[in-house]
Amino acid sequence: MLLAQTKFALDLLRENETQSSTIISPLSISIALDLALIGAKNDTADEIQRVIGEKVTIQEIHQYLSRFLLTDFAGVKFANNIFCMAEPLESYKTELQNHYNQILFKTIDFQDTQKAADIINNFVSSNTDNEIKDLVNADSLSGNVRMALINVLKFEKLWDYPFTVYSPYSADFYSKFNITTKV
């Protein structure tokens, strides 16, 4: 599973090259996909399994990824919520609780896109100490949205060597291959 996740992470980072300093967490995306995998069937389940786990079983995927949420990592905080248009099936909720026992469910009306965006943003903001306030906006929630899987990953640790405003020297910061900025 480690090799499959490493490949997934590297492929994801290669595919999502940006011109700005964007942070993508392959682990968070894998966990969100696993939350979807638990409720998926047939071709959809096969495709998710292939993307995040390659040749390992679905059970191995659940065991591997759920341990990140069930283990206390010093300085790392995870929060997950599944926002649904309608109450999810009990079988889905039970299966999620079997693997990820702290998953929250909230039924919201995605037709009221502004209210739905506010609810999701309040969840994200409260789990990032207000550092991320606007993850989604009303325009990003079309009338076709029925579910949003939100995974928040927050680092709560200080730098071993903190940056200071009055640093005695400047150095290169590599925001992208062959692109540097003096900081």
C-alpha atoms as a PDB file:
ATOM      1  CA  MET A   1       0.000   0.000   0.000  1.00  0.00           C
ATOM      2  CA  LEU A   2       2.877   2.366   0.716  1.00  0.00           C
ATOM      3  CA  LEU A   3       4.164   2.003  -2.857  1.00  0.00           C
ATOM      4  CA  ALA A   4       0.691   2.600  -4.287  1.00  0.00           C
ATOM      5  CA  GLN A   5       0.248   5.725  -2.160  1.00  0.00           C
ATOM      6  CA  THR A   6       3.690   7.014  -3.112  1.00  0.00           C
ATOM      7  CA  LYS A   7       2.850   6.587  -6.803  1.00  0.00           C
ATOM      8  CA  PHE A   8      -0.547   8.252  -6.288  1.00  0.00           C
ATOM      9  CA  ALA A   9       1.065  11.198  -4.479  1.00  0.00           C
ATOM     10  CA  LEU A  10       3.758  11.741  -7.091  1.00  0.00           C
ATOM     11  CA  ASP A  11       1.282  11.419  -9.974  1.00  0.00           C
ATOM     12  CA  LEU A  12      -1.074  13.861  -8.254  1.00  0.00           C
ATOM     13  CA  LEU A  13       1.657  16.415  -7.653  1.00  0.00           C
ATOM     14  CA  ARG A  14       2.903  16.119 -11.251  1.00  0.00           C
ATOM     15  CA  GLU A  15      -0.628  16.576 -12.635  1.00  0.00           C
ATOM     16  CA  ASN A  16      -1.330  19.610 -10.455  1.00  0.00           C
ATOM     17  CA  GLU A  17       1.651  21.793 -11.238  1.00  0.00           C
ATOM     18  CA  THR A  18       0.732  25.389 -10.666  1.00  0.00           C
ATOM     19  CA  GLN A  19       2.396  28.748 -11.105  1.00  0.00           C
ATOM     20  CA  SER A  20       1.707  29.682  -7.484  1.00  0.00           C
ATOM     21  CA  SER A  21       2.604  28.247  -4.123  1.00  0.00           C
ATOM     22  CA  THR A  22      -0.212  25.760  -3.770  1.00  0.00           C
ATOM     23  CA  ILE A  23      -0.241  23.042  -1.148  1.00  0.00           C
ATOM     24  CA  ILE A  24      -1.865  19.757  -2.078  1.00  0.00           C
ATOM     25  CA  SER A  25      -2.124  16.949   0.430  1.00  0.00           C
ATOM     26  CA  PRO A  26      -2.163  13.589  -1.336  1.00  0.00           C
ATOM     27  CA  LEU A  27      -3.007  11.990   2.020  1.00  0.00           C
ATOM     28  CA  SER A  28      -6.102  14.173   2.439  1.00  0.00           C
ATOM     29  CA  ILE A  29      -7.204  13.430  -1.115  1.00  0.00           C
ATOM     30  CA  SER A  30      -6.645   9.694  -0.580  1.00  0.00           C
ATOM     31  CA  ILE A  31      -8.728   9.763   2.603  1.00  0.00           C
ATOM     32  CA  ALA A  32     -11.551  11.652   0.858  1.00  0.00           C
ATOM     33  CA  LEU A  33     -11.445   9.143  -2.003  1.00  0.00           C
ATOM     34  CA  ASP A  34     -11.556   6.282   0.497  1.00  0.00           C
ATOM     35  CA  LEU A  35     -14.640   7.832   2.089  1.00  0.00           C
ATOM     36  CA  ALA A  36     -16.202   7.784  -1.380  1.00  0.00           C
ATOM     37  CA  LEU A  37     -14.905   4.257  -2.044  1.00  0.00           C
ATOM     38  CA  ILE A  38     -16.777   2.938   0.979  1.00  0.00           C
ATOM     39  CA  GLY A  39     -20.059   3.945  -0.679  1.00  0.00           C
ATOM     40  CA  ALA A  40     -19.063   3.217  -4.274  1.00  0.00           C
ATOM     41  CA  LYS A  41     -19.926   0.145  -6.325  1.00  0.00           C
ATOM     42  CA  ASN A  42     -18.940  -1.503  -9.600  1.00  0.00           C
ATOM     43  CA  ASP A  43     -16.837   0.569 -12.029  1.00  0.00           C
ATOM     44  CA  THR A  44     -16.629   3.575  -9.706  1.00  0.00           C
ATOM     45  CA  ALA A  45     -15.297   1.456  -6.841  1.00  0.00           C
ATOM     46  CA  ASP A  46     -12.850  -0.290  -9.186  1.00  0.00           C
ATOM     47  CA  GLU A  47     -11.540   3.026 -10.512  1.00  0.00           C
ATOM     48  CA  ILE A  48     -11.064   4.579  -7.054  1.00  0.00           C
ATOM     49  CA  GLN A  49      -9.370   1.401  -5.835  1.00  0.00           C
ATOM     50  CA  ARG A  50      -7.034   1.405  -8.844  1.00  0.00           C
ATOM     51  CA  VAL A  51      -6.120   5.077  -8.403  1.00  0.00           C
ATOM     52  CA  ILE A  52      -5.352   5.094  -4.668  1.00  0.00           C
ATOM     53  CA  GLY A  53      -4.456   1.473  -4.028  1.00  0.00           C
ATOM     54  CA  GLU A  54      -3.456  -0.105  -7.323  1.00  0.00           C
ATOM     55  CA  LYS A  55      -3.263  -3.840  -6.646  1.00  0.00           C
ATOM     56  CA  VAL A  56      -4.182  -3.960  -2.954  1.00  0.00           C
ATOM     57  CA  THR A  57      -7.577  -4.972  -1.619  1.00  0.00           C
ATOM     58  CA  ILE A  58     -10.237  -2.484  -0.607  1.00  0.00           C
ATOM     59  CA  GLN A  59      -9.898  -3.709   2.979  1.00  0.00           C
ATOM     60  CA  GLU A  60      -6.154  -2.954   2.917  1.00  0.00           C
ATOM     61  CA  ILE A  61      -6.883   0.545   1.605  1.00  0.00           C
ATOM     62  CA  HIS A  62      -9.339   1.194   4.457  1.00  0.00           C
ATOM     63  CA  GLN A  63      -6.942  -0.151   7.085  1.00  0.00           C
ATOM     64  CA  TYR A  64      -3.979   1.817   5.760  1.00  0.00           C
ATOM     65  CA  LEU A  65      -5.723   5.176   5.409  1.00  0.00           C
ATOM     66  CA  SER A  66      -7.919   5.013   8.507  1.00  0.00           C
ATOM     67  CA  ARG A  67      -4.893   4.618  10.759  1.00  0.00           C
ATOM     68  CA  PHE A  68      -3.878   8.194   9.938  1.00  0.00           C
ATOM     69  CA  LEU A  69      -7.109   9.476  11.451  1.00  0.00           C
ATOM     70  CA  LEU A  70      -7.155   7.038  14.341  1.00  0.00           C
ATOM     71  CA  THR A  71      -3.556   7.669  15.418  1.00  0.00           C
ATOM     72  CA  ASP A  72      -2.567  10.739  17.385  1.00  0.00           C
ATOM     73  CA  PHE A  73       0.218  12.443  15.450  1.00  0.00           C
ATOM     74  CA  ALA A  74       1.872  15.218  17.435  1.00  0.00           C
ATOM     75  CA  GLY A  75       1.259  18.497  15.672  1.00  0.00           C
ATOM     76  CA  VAL A  76      -1.208  17.180  13.061  1.00  0.00           C
ATOM     77  CA  LYS A  77      -4.957  17.607  13.316  1.00  0.00           C
ATOM     78  CA  PHE A  78      -7.448  15.889  11.023  1.00  0.00           C
ATOM     79  CA  ALA A  79     -11.138  16.705  10.736  1.00  0.00           C
ATOM     80  CA  ASN A  80     -13.650  15.155   8.358  1.00  0.00           C
ATOM     81  CA  ASN A  81     -17.246  15.871   7.575  1.00  0.00           C
ATOM     82  CA  ILE A  82     -19.598  14.516   4.959  1.00  0.00           C
ATOM     83  CA  PHE A  83     -22.168  17.085   3.948  1.00  0.00           C
ATOM     84  CA  CYS A  84     -25.147  15.405   2.273  1.00  0.00           C
ATOM     85  CA  MET A  85     -28.280  16.621   0.561  1.00  0.00           C
ATOM     86  CA  ALA A  86     -30.153  13.681   2.106  1.00  0.00           C
ATOM     87  CA  GLU A  87     -29.409  11.404   5.018  1.00  0.00           C
ATOM     88  CA  PRO A  88     -26.908   8.729   3.860  1.00  0.00           C
ATOM     89  CA  LEU A  89     -27.838   5.072   3.905  1.00  0.00           C
ATOM     90  CA  GLU A  90     -27.362   3.405   7.267  1.00  0.00           C
ATOM     91  CA  SER A  91     -25.123   0.774   5.654  1.00  0.00           C
ATOM     92  CA  TYR A  92     -22.791   3.533   4.422  1.00  0.00           C
ATOM     93  CA  LYS A  93     -22.719   5.255   7.806  1.00  0.00           C
ATOM     94  CA  THR A  94     -22.054   1.944   9.574  1.00  0.00           C
ATOM     95  CA  GLU A  95     -19.225   1.021   7.209  1.00  0.00           C
ATOM     96  CA  LEU A  96     -17.660   4.469   7.621  1.00  0.00           C
ATOM     97  CA  GLN A  97     -17.858   4.207  11.399  1.00  0.00           C
ATOM     98  CA  ASN A  98     -16.197   0.779  11.229  1.00  0.00           C
ATOM     99  CA  HIS A  99     -13.153   2.302   9.548  1.00  0.00           C
ATOM    100  CA  TYR A 100     -13.221   5.999  10.483  1.00  0.00           C
ATOM    101  CA  ASN A 101     -14.978   6.298  13.804  1.00  0.00           C
ATOM    102  CA  GLN A 102     -14.929  10.097  14.025  1.00  0.00           C
ATOM    103  CA  ILE A 103     -16.577  10.973  10.697  1.00  0.00           C
ATOM    104  CA  LEU A 104     -19.325  13.557  11.038  1.00  0.00           C
ATOM    105  CA  PHE A 105     -22.435  13.775   8.871  1.00  0.00           C
ATOM    106  CA  LYS A 106     -24.438  16.894   8.266  1.00  0.00           C
ATOM    107  CA  THR A 107     -27.490  17.162   6.054  1.00  0.00           C
ATOM    108  CA  ILE A 108     -27.554  20.468   4.183  1.00  0.00           C
ATOM    109  CA  ASP A 109     -29.575  21.937   1.321  1.00  0.00           C
ATOM    110  CA  PHE A 110     -27.166  22.378  -1.599  1.00  0.00           C
ATOM    111  CA  GLN A 111     -29.916  24.204  -3.525  1.00  0.00           C
ATOM    112  CA  ASP A 112     -29.309  27.144  -1.182  1.00  0.00           C
ATOM    113  CA  THR A 113     -25.730  27.458  -2.388  1.00  0.00           C
ATOM    114  CA  GLN A 114     -24.789  30.436  -0.207  1.00  0.00           C
ATOM    115  CA  LYS A 115     -26.009  28.783   2.994  1.00  0.00           C
ATOM    116  CA  ALA A 116     -24.316  25.487   2.025  1.00  0.00           C
ATOM    117  CA  ALA A 117     -21.030  27.318   1.347  1.00  0.00           C
ATOM    118  CA  ASP A 118     -21.305  29.106   4.702  1.00  0.00           C
ATOM    119  CA  ILE A 119     -21.873  25.816   6.574  1.00  0.00           C
ATOM    120  CA  ILE A 120     -18.910  24.118   4.883  1.00  0.00           C
ATOM    121  CA  ASN A 121     -16.663  27.159   5.363  1.00  0.00           C
ATOM    122  CA  ASN A 122     -17.623  27.395   9.048  1.00  0.00           C
ATOM    123  CA  PHE A 123     -16.599  23.745   9.519  1.00  0.00           C
ATOM    124  CA  VAL A 124     -13.264  24.326   7.770  1.00  0.00           C
ATOM    125  CA  SER A 125     -12.633  27.610   9.575  1.00  0.00           C
ATOM    126  CA  SER A 126     -13.354  26.136  13.006  1.00  0.00           C
ATOM    127  CA  ASN A 127     -10.971  23.238  12.325  1.00  0.00           C
ATOM    128  CA  THR A 128      -8.131  25.432  11.060  1.00  0.00           C
ATOM    129  CA  ASP A 129      -8.306  28.074  13.796  1.00  0.00           C
ATOM    130  CA  ASN A 130      -9.740  30.487  11.205  1.00  0.00           C
ATOM    131  CA  GLU A 131      -6.689  30.124   8.954  1.00  0.00           C
ATOM    132  CA  ILE A 132      -8.823  28.845   6.048  1.00  0.00           C
ATOM    133  CA  LYS A 133     -12.097  30.736   5.876  1.00  0.00           C
ATOM    134  CA  ASP A 134     -13.287  30.430   2.288  1.00  0.00           C
ATOM    135  CA  LEU A 135     -12.714  26.937   0.925  1.00  0.00           C
ATOM    136  CA  VAL A 136     -15.828  27.057  -1.239  1.00  0.00           C
ATOM    137  CA  ASN A 137     -18.118  29.782  -2.521  1.00  0.00           C
ATOM    138  CA  ALA A 138     -21.736  29.691  -3.581  1.00  0.00           C
ATOM    139  CA  ASP A 139     -20.781  29.605  -7.274  1.00  0.00           C
ATOM    140  CA  SER A 140     -18.708  26.445  -6.783  1.00  0.00           C
ATOM    141  CA  LEU A 141     -21.763  24.576  -5.473  1.00  0.00           C
ATOM    142  CA  SER A 142     -23.923  24.023  -8.519  1.00  0.00           C
ATOM    143  CA  GLY A 143     -27.450  22.725  -8.297  1.00  0.00           C
ATOM    144  CA  ASN A 144     -26.145  19.224  -9.063  1.00  0.00           C
ATOM    145  CA  VAL A 145     -24.097  18.842  -5.863  1.00  0.00           C
ATOM    146  CA  ARG A 146     -25.496  16.152  -3.590  1.00  0.00           C
ATOM    147  CA  MET A 147     -22.531  15.456  -1.307  1.00  0.00           C
ATOM    148  CA  ALA A 148     -19.287  17.136  -0.260  1.00  0.00           C
ATOM    149  CA  LEU A 149     -16.532  15.138   1.425  1.00  0.00           C
ATOM    150  CA  ILE A 150     -14.422  17.583   3.397  1.00  0.00           C
ATOM    151  CA  ASN A 151     -11.080  16.553   4.852  1.00  0.00           C
ATOM    152  CA  VAL A 152      -9.121  19.130   6.842  1.00  0.00           C
ATOM    153  CA  LEU A 153      -5.466  18.624   7.653  1.00  0.00           C
ATOM    154  CA  LYS A 154      -3.868  21.201   9.929  1.00  0.00           C
ATOM    155  CA  PHE A 155      -0.311  21.342  11.158  1.00  0.00           C
ATOM    156  CA  GLU A 156      -0.088  22.658  14.710  1.00  0.00           C
ATOM    157  CA  LYS A 157       3.639  22.581  15.204  1.00  0.00           C
ATOM    158  CA  LEU A 158       6.193  25.365  15.317  1.00  0.00           C
ATOM    159  CA  TRP A 159       9.143  25.410  12.945  1.00  0.00           C
ATOM    160  CA  ASP A 160      12.363  23.979  14.363  1.00  0.00           C
ATOM    161  CA  TYR A 161      14.080  27.016  12.866  1.00  0.00           C
ATOM    162  CA  PRO A 162      11.480  29.780  12.718  1.00  0.00           C
ATOM    163  CA  PHE A 163      11.570  32.513  10.113  1.00  0.00           C
ATOM    164  CA  THR A 164      11.989  36.009  11.415  1.00  0.00           C
ATOM    165  CA  VAL A 165      11.111  39.312   9.811  1.00  0.00           C
ATOM    166  CA  TYR A 166      14.591  40.593  10.539  1.00  0.00           C
ATOM    167  CA  SER A 167      16.574  37.695   9.149  1.00  0.00           C
ATOM    168  CA  PRO A 168      20.289  38.555   8.692  1.00  0.00           C
ATOM    169  CA  TYR A 169      20.370  36.986   5.224  1.00  0.00           C
ATOM    170  CA  SER A 170      18.136  36.093   2.308  1.00  0.00           C
ATOM    171  CA  ALA A 171      17.905  32.725   0.618  1.00  0.00           C
ATOM    172  CA  ASP A 172      16.237  31.121  -2.369  1.00  0.00           C
ATOM    173  CA  PHE A 173      12.744  29.711  -1.956  1.00  0.00           C
ATOM    174  CA  TYR A 174      11.826  27.164  -4.625  1.00  0.00           C
ATOM    175  CA  SER A 175       8.122  27.486  -5.372  1.00  0.00           C
ATOM    176  CA  LYS A 176       8.371  25.481  -8.595  1.00  0.00           C
ATOM    177  CA  PHE A 177      11.034  23.693 -10.574  1.00  0.00           C
ATOM    178  CA  ASN A 178      13.525  26.317 -11.810  1.00  0.00           C
ATOM    179  CA  ILE A 179      11.575  29.201 -10.238  1.00  0.00           C
ATOM    180  CA  THR A 180      13.059  30.836  -7.172  1.00  0.00           C
ATOM    181  CA  THR A 181      12.191  33.825  -5.063  1.00  0.00           C
ATOM    182  CA  LYS A 182      14.514  35.542  -2.626  1.00  0.00           C
ATOM    183  CA  VAL A 183      13.125  35.451   0.891  1.00  0.00           C
END
